[in-house]
Amino acid sequence: MSDEDLPRTPRFGGIVTTAELLASGISTTRILGYVERGTLTRVGRGVYAVAQPARGEHLLRATAALAVIAPGAALSHQSAARLLGIDLLGRPKNEVTMTVPPERGWRTRAGIRVCAAGLPPEHVTVIGGLTMTTAARTVVDLARTGGFWDGLVAADSALRKKLTTKDEMRAVIGALRHWPGIRRAAEVVEFADRRSESALESIARAVIRDLGLPPPDLQVRLGYWEVPGLPAEPIARVDFYWKEYRTVAEVDGDLKYKDPARAKDQLRRDIELRAAGFEVVHFDWRDITRAPDRVAAVIREAFVRGKLREQIARGG
């Protein structure tokens, strides 16, 4: 039983279907023998990989799905986002997501979620031999079918990584203007900001808006140049800044607290910012998602103190 007998395919991981193996003259018994030897790896019903890659499990499963779903299908939603490098809110489900034009038939398969929807040619791209929705269409689909937060995390990420532009996403929205959820997608695109550097920052911006607080500036470099009489030296780049209230807000992920060096550096920055006359507040994922009213109260209290600091500095 020679490995050379196996058909060669251009698909990632050498994905090959049972039908293709049988057509090449390899019997069912020989297929089972290849599986037992580890030459073939079963990645789905009737789908095998000639070689199991060291990484890229979802890529392998996505390739397998494209091999068995109806022609004209494209990876989409969470699967397209993962392969394009678009951030997702939360841990993605262990399934491949695809879109198939409504006129195409397909068979339901375990581990594959199929959406029936139109796929204009301009909404589809081919990367590494895999057909998938473009970054712009992927973001719009996530915003349409998920919540506002899901769409915003994806949109901010795609803009930050320069995978798409707002104009490209607006064009997709225009083409799908009568589709369910498209109004939410349009709101997401207009609110999206490439300066948000993490899912937590994206969610925090949305919560701050919903709480009725003024929009902050993002990723601002602050320093002693804003303090009369002190040398123009930088202190820090901060997540959120309200200049009118001289207030800084930092959103803290778990990594900051798990790394003692980063925690100490943050403490030093806070001391220097306060010495320069800025109010500094911190909140984390739990604060933002479970106690937003408390976050609003803390920020508003900082606004009051910041205004008072400014009046005292001016001799008012």
C-alpha atoms as a PDB file:
ATOM      1  CA  MET A   1       0.000   0.000   0.000  1.00  0.00           C
ATOM      2  CA  SER A   2       1.936   3.037  -1.270  1.00  0.00           C
ATOM      3  CA  ASP A   3       1.252   6.629  -0.255  1.00  0.00           C
ATOM      4  CA  GLU A   4       2.025   7.571  -3.842  1.00  0.00           C
ATOM      5  CA  ASP A   5      -1.332   6.061  -4.831  1.00  0.00           C
ATOM      6  CA  LEU A   6      -3.195   8.844  -3.032  1.00  0.00           C
ATOM      7  CA  PRO A   7      -4.639  11.541  -5.302  1.00  0.00           C
ATOM      8  CA  ARG A   8      -2.983  14.953  -4.942  1.00  0.00           C
ATOM      9  CA  THR A   9      -5.256  17.931  -4.488  1.00  0.00           C
ATOM     10  CA  PRO A  10      -4.428  21.643  -4.305  1.00  0.00           C
ATOM     11  CA  ARG A  11      -6.520  22.024  -1.161  1.00  0.00           C
ATOM     12  CA  PHE A  12      -4.910  22.968   2.143  1.00  0.00           C
ATOM     13  CA  GLY A  13      -3.776  19.867   4.054  1.00  0.00           C
ATOM     14  CA  GLY A  14      -4.317  17.714   0.972  1.00  0.00           C
ATOM     15  CA  ILE A  15      -8.046  17.523   1.681  1.00  0.00           C
ATOM     16  CA  VAL A  16      -9.642  14.709  -0.318  1.00  0.00           C
ATOM     17  CA  THR A  17     -13.148  13.235  -0.281  1.00  0.00           C
ATOM     18  CA  THR A  18     -14.182   9.587  -0.221  1.00  0.00           C
ATOM     19  CA  ALA A  19     -15.655   9.997  -3.698  1.00  0.00           C
ATOM     20  CA  GLU A  20     -12.322  11.284  -5.022  1.00  0.00           C
ATOM     21  CA  LEU A  21     -10.426   8.421  -3.392  1.00  0.00           C
ATOM     22  CA  LEU A  22     -12.791   5.820  -4.855  1.00  0.00           C
ATOM     23  CA  ALA A  23     -12.626   7.490  -8.280  1.00  0.00           C
ATOM     24  CA  SER A  24      -8.842   7.186  -8.196  1.00  0.00           C
ATOM     25  CA  GLY A  25      -9.112   3.438  -7.707  1.00  0.00           C
ATOM     26  CA  ILE A  26      -8.586   3.238  -3.941  1.00  0.00           C
ATOM     27  CA  SER A  27     -11.033   0.863  -2.266  1.00  0.00           C
ATOM     28  CA  THR A  28     -12.870   1.426   0.991  1.00  0.00           C
ATOM     29  CA  THR A  29     -10.640  -1.202   2.638  1.00  0.00           C
ATOM     30  CA  ARG A  30      -7.502   0.629   1.533  1.00  0.00           C
ATOM     31  CA  ILE A  31      -8.926   3.947   2.775  1.00  0.00           C
ATOM     32  CA  LEU A  32      -9.399   2.402   6.222  1.00  0.00           C
ATOM     33  CA  GLY A  33      -5.831   1.107   6.063  1.00  0.00           C
ATOM     34  CA  TYR A  34      -4.493   4.591   5.334  1.00  0.00           C
ATOM     35  CA  VAL A  35      -6.463   5.937   8.300  1.00  0.00           C
ATOM     36  CA  GLU A  36      -5.060   3.249  10.627  1.00  0.00           C
ATOM     37  CA  ARG A  37      -1.511   4.060   9.494  1.00  0.00           C
ATOM     38  CA  GLY A  38      -2.070   7.790  10.029  1.00  0.00           C
ATOM     39  CA  THR A  39      -1.481   8.579   6.365  1.00  0.00           C
ATOM     40  CA  LEU A  40      -5.046   9.867   6.116  1.00  0.00           C
ATOM     41  CA  THR A  41      -6.713  11.838   8.902  1.00  0.00           C
ATOM     42  CA  ARG A  42     -10.497  11.855   9.028  1.00  0.00           C
ATOM     43  CA  VAL A  43     -11.714  15.434   9.438  1.00  0.00           C
ATOM     44  CA  GLY A  44     -15.392  14.870   8.712  1.00  0.00           C
ATOM     45  CA  ARG A  45     -17.847  12.386   7.269  1.00  0.00           C
ATOM     46  CA  GLY A  46     -16.418  11.379   3.907  1.00  0.00           C
ATOM     47  CA  VAL A  47     -13.544  13.874   4.091  1.00  0.00           C
ATOM     48  CA  TYR A  48      -9.866  13.202   4.840  1.00  0.00           C
ATOM     49  CA  ALA A  49      -6.607  15.128   5.065  1.00  0.00           C
ATOM     50  CA  VAL A  50      -3.523  13.576   3.469  1.00  0.00           C
ATOM     51  CA  ALA A  51      -1.374  15.266   6.124  1.00  0.00           C
ATOM     52  CA  GLN A  52      -2.394  16.675   9.481  1.00  0.00           C
ATOM     53  CA  PRO A  53      -0.840  20.169   9.751  1.00  0.00           C
ATOM     54  CA  ALA A  54       0.914  21.160  12.940  1.00  0.00           C
ATOM     55  CA  ARG A  55      -1.374  24.191  13.233  1.00  0.00           C
ATOM     56  CA  GLY A  56      -4.403  25.614  11.533  1.00  0.00           C
ATOM     57  CA  GLU A  57      -7.066  23.162  12.690  1.00  0.00           C
ATOM     58  CA  HIS A  58      -9.928  25.474  11.744  1.00  0.00           C
ATOM     59  CA  LEU A  59      -8.306  26.135   8.384  1.00  0.00           C
ATOM     60  CA  LEU A  60      -8.203  22.392   7.770  1.00  0.00           C
ATOM     61  CA  ARG A  61     -11.843  21.920   8.764  1.00  0.00           C
ATOM     62  CA  ALA A  62     -12.888  24.900   6.639  1.00  0.00           C
ATOM     63  CA  THR A  63     -11.116  23.423   3.627  1.00  0.00           C
ATOM     64  CA  ALA A  64     -12.891  20.135   4.224  1.00  0.00           C
ATOM     65  CA  ALA A  65     -16.262  21.885   4.414  1.00  0.00           C
ATOM     66  CA  LEU A  66     -15.698  23.632   1.091  1.00  0.00           C
ATOM     67  CA  ALA A  67     -14.931  20.256  -0.469  1.00  0.00           C
ATOM     68  CA  VAL A  68     -18.315  18.783   0.404  1.00  0.00           C
ATOM     69  CA  ILE A  69     -20.770  21.694   0.421  1.00  0.00           C
ATOM     70  CA  ALA A  70     -22.491  22.787  -2.787  1.00  0.00           C
ATOM     71  CA  PRO A  71     -20.488  24.661  -5.449  1.00  0.00           C
ATOM     72  CA  GLY A  72     -20.728  28.420  -5.042  1.00  0.00           C
ATOM     73  CA  ALA A  73     -20.402  28.242  -1.256  1.00  0.00           C
ATOM     74  CA  ALA A  74     -18.081  30.574   0.637  1.00  0.00           C
ATOM     75  CA  LEU A  75     -16.730  30.528   4.155  1.00  0.00           C
ATOM     76  CA  SER A  76     -18.409  33.357   6.042  1.00  0.00           C
ATOM     77  CA  HIS A  77     -19.282  34.857   9.420  1.00  0.00           C
ATOM     78  CA  GLN A  78     -17.062  33.488  12.223  1.00  0.00           C
ATOM     79  CA  SER A  79     -15.052  31.185   9.941  1.00  0.00           C
ATOM     80  CA  ALA A  80     -14.206  33.949   7.484  1.00  0.00           C
ATOM     81  CA  ALA A  81     -13.348  36.259  10.383  1.00  0.00           C
ATOM     82  CA  ARG A  82     -10.958  33.703  11.911  1.00  0.00           C
ATOM     83  CA  LEU A  83      -9.189  33.089   8.613  1.00  0.00           C
ATOM     84  CA  LEU A  84      -8.994  36.788   7.738  1.00  0.00           C
ATOM     85  CA  GLY A  85      -7.670  37.709  11.199  1.00  0.00           C
ATOM     86  CA  ILE A  86     -10.729  39.687  12.337  1.00  0.00           C
ATOM     87  CA  ASP A  87     -11.257  39.677  16.102  1.00  0.00           C
ATOM     88  CA  LEU A  88     -14.389  38.038  17.490  1.00  0.00           C
ATOM     89  CA  LEU A  89     -16.232  38.693  20.730  1.00  0.00           C
ATOM     90  CA  GLY A  90     -15.856  35.629  22.922  1.00  0.00           C
ATOM     91  CA  ARG A  91     -14.674  32.171  21.988  1.00  0.00           C
ATOM     92  CA  PRO A  92     -15.926  31.059  18.540  1.00  0.00           C
ATOM     93  CA  LYS A  93     -18.064  27.943  18.294  1.00  0.00           C
ATOM     94  CA  ASN A  94     -16.437  24.730  17.169  1.00  0.00           C
ATOM     95  CA  GLU A  95     -18.115  24.776  13.771  1.00  0.00           C
ATOM     96  CA  VAL A  96     -17.450  25.968  10.241  1.00  0.00           C
ATOM     97  CA  THR A  97     -19.769  28.740   9.050  1.00  0.00           C
ATOM     98  CA  MET A  98     -20.573  29.052   5.365  1.00  0.00           C
ATOM     99  CA  THR A  99     -22.908  30.949   3.065  1.00  0.00           C
ATOM    100  CA  VAL A 100     -24.541  29.293   0.060  1.00  0.00           C
ATOM    101  CA  PRO A 101     -26.687  31.095  -2.530  1.00  0.00           C
ATOM    102  CA  PRO A 102     -30.370  30.193  -1.965  1.00  0.00           C
ATOM    103  CA  GLU A 103     -30.691  28.544  -5.380  1.00  0.00           C
ATOM    104  CA  ARG A 104     -27.962  26.036  -4.530  1.00  0.00           C
ATOM    105  CA  GLY A 105     -28.873  22.849  -2.736  1.00  0.00           C
ATOM    106  CA  TRP A 106     -26.781  21.401   0.055  1.00  0.00           C
ATOM    107  CA  ARG A 107     -26.839  18.567   2.538  1.00  0.00           C
ATOM    108  CA  THR A 108     -26.741  19.199   6.264  1.00  0.00           C
ATOM    109  CA  ARG A 109     -23.485  18.004   7.829  1.00  0.00           C
ATOM    110  CA  ALA A 110     -22.345  17.881  11.430  1.00  0.00           C
ATOM    111  CA  GLY A 111     -20.009  20.701  12.416  1.00  0.00           C
ATOM    112  CA  ILE A 112     -21.022  22.927   9.497  1.00  0.00           C
ATOM    113  CA  ARG A 113     -23.511  25.797   9.795  1.00  0.00           C
ATOM    114  CA  VAL A 114     -24.831  26.905   6.425  1.00  0.00           C
ATOM    115  CA  CYS A 115     -26.571  30.233   5.792  1.00  0.00           C
ATOM    116  CA  ALA A 116     -28.642  30.656   2.633  1.00  0.00           C
ATOM    117  CA  ALA A 117     -27.999  34.156   1.315  1.00  0.00           C
ATOM    118  CA  GLY A 118     -26.954  36.023  -1.791  1.00  0.00           C
ATOM    119  CA  LEU A 119     -23.259  36.191  -2.642  1.00  0.00           C
ATOM    120  CA  PRO A 120     -22.540  38.921  -5.201  1.00  0.00           C
ATOM    121  CA  PRO A 121     -19.120  38.396  -6.824  1.00  0.00           C
ATOM    122  CA  GLU A 122     -17.765  41.571  -5.221  1.00  0.00           C
ATOM    123  CA  HIS A 123     -18.538  40.132  -1.763  1.00  0.00           C
ATOM    124  CA  VAL A 124     -16.353  37.065  -2.300  1.00  0.00           C
ATOM    125  CA  THR A 125     -12.592  36.630  -2.339  1.00  0.00           C
ATOM    126  CA  VAL A 126     -10.196  33.698  -2.670  1.00  0.00           C
ATOM    127  CA  ILE A 127      -7.259  33.519  -0.259  1.00  0.00           C
ATOM    128  CA  GLY A 128      -4.886  30.583  -0.228  1.00  0.00           C
ATOM    129  CA  GLY A 129      -7.257  28.668  -2.472  1.00  0.00           C
ATOM    130  CA  LEU A 130     -10.193  29.133  -0.072  1.00  0.00           C
ATOM    131  CA  THR A 131     -13.338  30.951  -1.144  1.00  0.00           C
ATOM    132  CA  MET A 132     -14.632  33.265   1.578  1.00  0.00           C
ATOM    133  CA  THR A 133     -16.541  36.479   2.054  1.00  0.00           C
ATOM    134  CA  THR A 134     -14.516  39.676   1.925  1.00  0.00           C
ATOM    135  CA  ALA A 135     -13.585  41.437   5.145  1.00  0.00           C
ATOM    136  CA  ALA A 136     -16.261  44.083   4.506  1.00  0.00           C
ATOM    137  CA  ARG A 137     -19.020  41.504   3.915  1.00  0.00           C
ATOM    138  CA  THR A 138     -17.820  39.425   6.862  1.00  0.00           C
ATOM    139  CA  VAL A 139     -18.082  42.367   9.270  1.00  0.00           C
ATOM    140  CA  VAL A 140     -21.525  43.303   7.967  1.00  0.00           C
ATOM    141  CA  ASP A 141     -22.737  39.707   8.296  1.00  0.00           C
ATOM    142  CA  LEU A 142     -21.471  39.486  11.881  1.00  0.00           C
ATOM    143  CA  ALA A 143     -23.171  42.782  12.738  1.00  0.00           C
ATOM    144  CA  ARG A 144     -26.420  41.753  11.041  1.00  0.00           C
ATOM    145  CA  THR A 145     -26.738  38.350  12.631  1.00  0.00           C
ATOM    146  CA  GLY A 146     -25.142  39.033  16.018  1.00  0.00           C
ATOM    147  CA  GLY A 147     -25.463  41.794  18.555  1.00  0.00           C
ATOM    148  CA  PHE A 148     -24.129  45.343  18.303  1.00  0.00           C
ATOM    149  CA  TRP A 149     -21.105  44.401  20.424  1.00  0.00           C
ATOM    150  CA  ASP A 150     -20.261  41.439  18.161  1.00  0.00           C
ATOM    151  CA  GLY A 151     -20.319  43.641  15.108  1.00  0.00           C
ATOM    152  CA  LEU A 152     -18.379  46.461  16.725  1.00  0.00           C
ATOM    153  CA  VAL A 153     -15.525  44.227  17.899  1.00  0.00           C
ATOM    154  CA  ALA A 154     -15.204  42.848  14.367  1.00  0.00           C
ATOM    155  CA  ALA A 155     -15.505  46.258  12.669  1.00  0.00           C
ATOM    156  CA  ASP A 156     -12.946  47.973  14.929  1.00  0.00           C
ATOM    157  CA  SER A 157     -10.537  45.080  14.425  1.00  0.00           C
ATOM    158  CA  ALA A 158     -10.923  45.017  10.635  1.00  0.00           C
ATOM    159  CA  LEU A 159     -10.354  48.769  10.416  1.00  0.00           C
ATOM    160  CA  ARG A 160      -7.364  48.677  12.786  1.00  0.00           C
ATOM    161  CA  LYS A 161      -5.714  45.890  10.776  1.00  0.00           C
ATOM    162  CA  LYS A 162      -6.515  47.683   7.492  1.00  0.00           C
ATOM    163  CA  LEU A 163      -8.474  44.710   6.184  1.00  0.00           C
ATOM    164  CA  THR A 164     -11.271  46.946   4.940  1.00  0.00           C
ATOM    165  CA  THR A 165     -12.538  50.527   5.034  1.00  0.00           C
ATOM    166  CA  LYS A 166     -15.749  52.184   6.113  1.00  0.00           C
ATOM    167  CA  ASP A 167     -16.560  52.982   2.489  1.00  0.00           C
ATOM    168  CA  GLU A 168     -16.230  49.313   1.556  1.00  0.00           C
ATOM    169  CA  MET A 169     -18.519  48.285   4.402  1.00  0.00           C
ATOM    170  CA  ARG A 170     -21.005  51.010   3.460  1.00  0.00           C
ATOM    171  CA  ALA A 171     -21.059  49.639  -0.085  1.00  0.00           C
ATOM    172  CA  VAL A 172     -21.957  46.185   1.253  1.00  0.00           C
ATOM    173  CA  ILE A 173     -24.697  47.691   3.409  1.00  0.00           C
ATOM    174  CA  GLY A 174     -26.080  49.487   0.361  1.00  0.00           C
ATOM    175  CA  ALA A 175     -26.204  46.227  -1.575  1.00  0.00           C
ATOM    176  CA  LEU A 176     -27.992  44.452   1.294  1.00  0.00           C
ATOM    177  CA  ARG A 177     -30.198  47.361   2.371  1.00  0.00           C
ATOM    178  CA  HIS A 178     -33.357  45.255   2.700  1.00  0.00           C
ATOM    179  CA  TRP A 179     -31.761  42.366   4.602  1.00  0.00           C
ATOM    180  CA  PRO A 180     -32.639  41.607   8.243  1.00  0.00           C
ATOM    181  CA  GLY A 181     -30.346  43.336  10.732  1.00  0.00           C
ATOM    182  CA  ILE A 182     -28.888  45.748   8.174  1.00  0.00           C
ATOM    183  CA  ARG A 183     -29.815  48.837  10.220  1.00  0.00           C
ATOM    184  CA  ARG A 184     -27.792  47.529  13.135  1.00  0.00           C
ATOM    185  CA  ALA A 185     -24.905  46.812  10.781  1.00  0.00           C
ATOM    186  CA  ALA A 186     -25.054  50.386   9.467  1.00  0.00           C
ATOM    187  CA  GLU A 187     -24.987  51.745  13.031  1.00  0.00           C
ATOM    188  CA  VAL A 188     -21.984  49.537  13.814  1.00  0.00           C
ATOM    189  CA  VAL A 189     -20.037  50.763  10.792  1.00  0.00           C
ATOM    190  CA  GLU A 190     -20.650  54.423  11.568  1.00  0.00           C
ATOM    191  CA  PHE A 191     -19.636  53.980  15.231  1.00  0.00           C
ATOM    192  CA  ALA A 192     -16.588  51.834  14.442  1.00  0.00           C
ATOM    193  CA  ASP A 193     -13.166  53.326  15.151  1.00  0.00           C
ATOM    194  CA  ARG A 194      -9.811  51.882  14.094  1.00  0.00           C
ATOM    195  CA  ARG A 195      -8.180  53.375  17.212  1.00  0.00           C
ATOM    196  CA  SER A 196      -9.841  50.827  19.509  1.00  0.00           C
ATOM    197  CA  GLU A 197      -7.072  48.351  20.265  1.00  0.00           C
ATOM    198  CA  SER A 198      -8.991  45.484  21.862  1.00  0.00           C
ATOM    199  CA  ALA A 199     -12.433  43.948  22.190  1.00  0.00           C
ATOM    200  CA  LEU A 200     -12.660  45.402  25.699  1.00  0.00           C
ATOM    201  CA  GLU A 201     -11.987  48.919  24.431  1.00  0.00           C
ATOM    202  CA  SER A 202     -14.625  48.479  21.728  1.00  0.00           C
ATOM    203  CA  ILE A 203     -17.249  47.321  24.235  1.00  0.00           C
ATOM    204  CA  ALA A 204     -16.289  50.084  26.664  1.00  0.00           C
ATOM    205  CA  ARG A 205     -16.849  52.731  23.981  1.00  0.00           C
ATOM    206  CA  ALA A 206     -20.315  51.365  23.281  1.00  0.00           C
ATOM    207  CA  VAL A 207     -21.205  51.271  26.982  1.00  0.00           C
ATOM    208  CA  ILE A 208     -19.914  54.817  27.524  1.00  0.00           C
ATOM    209  CA  ARG A 209     -22.138  55.999  24.682  1.00  0.00           C
ATOM    210  CA  ASP A 210     -25.177  54.114  25.993  1.00  0.00           C
ATOM    211  CA  LEU A 211     -24.642  55.610  29.460  1.00  0.00           C
ATOM    212  CA  GLY A 212     -25.035  59.098  28.017  1.00  0.00           C
ATOM    213  CA  LEU A 213     -21.439  60.146  28.662  1.00  0.00           C
ATOM    214  CA  PRO A 214     -19.615  62.391  26.178  1.00  0.00           C
ATOM    215  CA  PRO A 215     -17.443  60.504  23.694  1.00  0.00           C
ATOM    216  CA  PRO A 216     -13.788  60.310  24.719  1.00  0.00           C
ATOM    217  CA  ASP A 217     -10.785  60.793  22.490  1.00  0.00           C
ATOM    218  CA  LEU A 218      -8.838  57.566  21.957  1.00  0.00           C
ATOM    219  CA  GLN A 219      -5.172  56.627  22.291  1.00  0.00           C
ATOM    220  CA  VAL A 220      -4.077  60.126  23.329  1.00  0.00           C
ATOM    221  CA  ARG A 221      -0.487  60.903  24.329  1.00  0.00           C
ATOM    222  CA  LEU A 222      -0.430  63.001  27.480  1.00  0.00           C
ATOM    223  CA  GLY A 223       2.482  64.682  29.176  1.00  0.00           C
ATOM    224  CA  TYR A 224       3.721  67.572  31.207  1.00  0.00           C
ATOM    225  CA  TRP A 225       3.398  69.875  28.205  1.00  0.00           C
ATOM    226  CA  GLU A 226      -0.178  70.497  29.383  1.00  0.00           C
ATOM    227  CA  VAL A 227       1.096  71.764  32.743  1.00  0.00           C
ATOM    228  CA  PRO A 228       2.313  75.394  32.675  1.00  0.00           C
ATOM    229  CA  GLY A 229       5.886  75.804  33.875  1.00  0.00           C
ATOM    230  CA  LEU A 230       6.883  72.134  33.480  1.00  0.00           C
ATOM    231  CA  PRO A 231       9.066  70.721  30.673  1.00  0.00           C
ATOM    232  CA  ALA A 232       7.306  69.168  27.707  1.00  0.00           C
ATOM    233  CA  GLU A 233       7.912  65.516  28.539  1.00  0.00           C
ATOM    234  CA  PRO A 234       5.632  62.600  27.636  1.00  0.00           C
ATOM    235  CA  ILE A 235       4.008  60.515  30.348  1.00  0.00           C
ATOM    236  CA  ALA A 236       1.761  57.980  28.676  1.00  0.00           C
ATOM    237  CA  ARG A 237      -0.591  57.064  25.847  1.00  0.00           C
ATOM    238  CA  VAL A 238      -4.008  56.556  27.417  1.00  0.00           C
ATOM    239  CA  ASP A 239      -7.020  54.562  26.258  1.00  0.00           C
ATOM    240  CA  PHE A 240      -9.707  57.227  26.750  1.00  0.00           C
ATOM    241  CA  TYR A 241      -9.351  60.942  27.437  1.00  0.00           C
ATOM    242  CA  TRP A 242     -11.868  63.723  28.065  1.00  0.00           C
ATOM    243  CA  LYS A 243      -9.885  66.949  27.627  1.00  0.00           C
ATOM    244  CA  GLU A 244     -12.636  69.197  28.985  1.00  0.00           C
ATOM    245  CA  TYR A 245     -12.590  67.306  32.267  1.00  0.00           C
ATOM    246  CA  ARG A 246      -8.880  66.396  32.309  1.00  0.00           C
ATOM    247  CA  THR A 247      -9.984  62.804  32.903  1.00  0.00           C
ATOM    248  CA  VAL A 248      -8.291  59.608  31.770  1.00  0.00           C
ATOM    249  CA  ALA A 249      -9.949  56.185  31.689  1.00  0.00           C
ATOM    250  CA  GLU A 250      -7.940  53.001  31.272  1.00  0.00           C
ATOM    251  CA  VAL A 251      -9.544  49.646  30.439  1.00  0.00           C
ATOM    252  CA  ASP A 252      -7.656  46.788  32.023  1.00  0.00           C
ATOM    253  CA  GLY A 253      -7.415  43.285  30.613  1.00  0.00           C
ATOM    254  CA  ASP A 254      -6.364  40.265  32.662  1.00  0.00           C
ATOM    255  CA  LEU A 255      -2.856  40.286  31.172  1.00  0.00           C
ATOM    256  CA  LYS A 256      -2.037  43.570  32.878  1.00  0.00           C
ATOM    257  CA  TYR A 257      -2.664  42.057  36.295  1.00  0.00           C
ATOM    258  CA  LYS A 258      -0.964  38.751  35.542  1.00  0.00           C
ATOM    259  CA  ASP A 259       2.273  40.501  34.575  1.00  0.00           C
ATOM    260  CA  PRO A 260       3.836  42.155  37.675  1.00  0.00           C
ATOM    261  CA  ALA A 261       6.105  44.332  35.536  1.00  0.00           C
ATOM    262  CA  ARG A 262       3.152  45.729  33.588  1.00  0.00           C
ATOM    263  CA  ALA A 263       1.184  46.304  36.788  1.00  0.00           C
ATOM    264  CA  LYS A 264       4.071  48.266  38.321  1.00  0.00           C
ATOM    265  CA  ASP A 265       4.478  50.289  35.148  1.00  0.00           C
ATOM    266  CA  GLN A 266       0.768  51.129  35.181  1.00  0.00           C
ATOM    267  CA  LEU A 267       1.007  52.264  38.822  1.00  0.00           C
ATOM    268  CA  ARG A 268       3.938  54.525  37.966  1.00  0.00           C
ATOM    269  CA  ARG A 269       2.057  56.039  35.031  1.00  0.00           C
ATOM    270  CA  ASP A 270      -0.994  56.696  37.192  1.00  0.00           C
ATOM    271  CA  ILE A 271       1.114  58.515  39.786  1.00  0.00           C
ATOM    272  CA  GLU A 272       2.739  60.684  37.111  1.00  0.00           C
ATOM    273  CA  LEU A 273      -0.571  61.460  35.413  1.00  0.00           C
ATOM    274  CA  ARG A 274      -2.176  62.521  38.685  1.00  0.00           C
ATOM    275  CA  ALA A 275       0.880  64.613  39.541  1.00  0.00           C
ATOM    276  CA  ALA A 276       0.417  66.362  36.197  1.00  0.00           C
ATOM    277  CA  GLY A 277      -3.156  67.227  37.110  1.00  0.00           C
ATOM    278  CA  PHE A 278      -5.159  64.461  35.430  1.00  0.00           C
ATOM    279  CA  GLU A 279      -7.927  62.395  36.987  1.00  0.00           C
ATOM    280  CA  VAL A 280      -7.357  58.679  36.331  1.00  0.00           C
ATOM    281  CA  VAL A 281      -9.978  55.926  36.582  1.00  0.00           C
ATOM    282  CA  HIS A 282      -9.731  52.230  35.742  1.00  0.00           C
ATOM    283  CA  PHE A 283     -12.325  49.610  34.880  1.00  0.00           C
ATOM    284  CA  ASP A 284     -12.199  46.055  33.615  1.00  0.00           C
ATOM    285  CA  TRP A 285     -14.404  43.618  31.711  1.00  0.00           C
ATOM    286  CA  ARG A 286     -16.503  42.766  34.755  1.00  0.00           C
ATOM    287  CA  ASP A 287     -17.120  46.456  35.537  1.00  0.00           C
ATOM    288  CA  ILE A 288     -18.148  47.267  31.975  1.00  0.00           C
ATOM    289  CA  THR A 289     -20.427  44.289  31.403  1.00  0.00           C
ATOM    290  CA  ARG A 290     -21.930  43.796  34.866  1.00  0.00           C
ATOM    291  CA  ALA A 291     -21.874  47.185  36.582  1.00  0.00           C
ATOM    292  CA  PRO A 292     -22.086  49.862  33.869  1.00  0.00           C
ATOM    293  CA  ASP A 293     -23.979  52.301  36.102  1.00  0.00           C
ATOM    294  CA  ARG A 294     -21.127  52.189  38.594  1.00  0.00           C
ATOM    295  CA  VAL A 295     -18.672  52.896  35.776  1.00  0.00           C
ATOM    296  CA  ALA A 296     -20.732  55.921  34.766  1.00  0.00           C
ATOM    297  CA  ALA A 297     -20.825  57.201  38.349  1.00  0.00           C
ATOM    298  CA  VAL A 298     -17.053  56.839  38.758  1.00  0.00           C
ATOM    299  CA  ILE A 299     -16.381  58.692  35.499  1.00  0.00           C
ATOM    300  CA  ARG A 300     -18.803  61.503  36.351  1.00  0.00           C
ATOM    301  CA  GLU A 301     -17.190  61.922  39.774  1.00  0.00           C
ATOM    302  CA  ALA A 302     -13.818  62.190  38.028  1.00  0.00           C
ATOM    303  CA  PHE A 303     -15.283  64.851  35.728  1.00  0.00           C
ATOM    304  CA  VAL A 304     -16.259  66.937  38.761  1.00  0.00           C
ATOM    305  CA  ARG A 305     -12.813  66.607  40.318  1.00  0.00           C
ATOM    306  CA  GLY A 306     -11.160  67.385  36.993  1.00  0.00           C
ATOM    307  CA  LYS A 307     -13.156  70.575  36.570  1.00  0.00           C
ATOM    308  CA  LEU A 308     -12.326  71.592  40.123  1.00  0.00           C
ATOM    309  CA  ARG A 309      -8.611  70.970  39.525  1.00  0.00           C
ATOM    310  CA  GLU A 310      -8.764  73.178  36.441  1.00  0.00           C
ATOM    311  CA  GLN A 311     -10.492  75.994  38.303  1.00  0.00           C
ATOM    312  CA  ILE A 312      -7.944  75.865  41.130  1.00  0.00           C
ATOM    313  CA  ALA A 313      -5.064  75.856  38.627  1.00  0.00           C
ATOM    314  CA  ARG A 314      -6.502  78.980  37.035  1.00  0.00           C
ATOM    315  CA  GLY A 315      -6.982  80.629  40.376  1.00  0.00           C
ATOM    316  CA  GLY A 316     -10.754  80.505  40.082  1.00  0.00           C
END
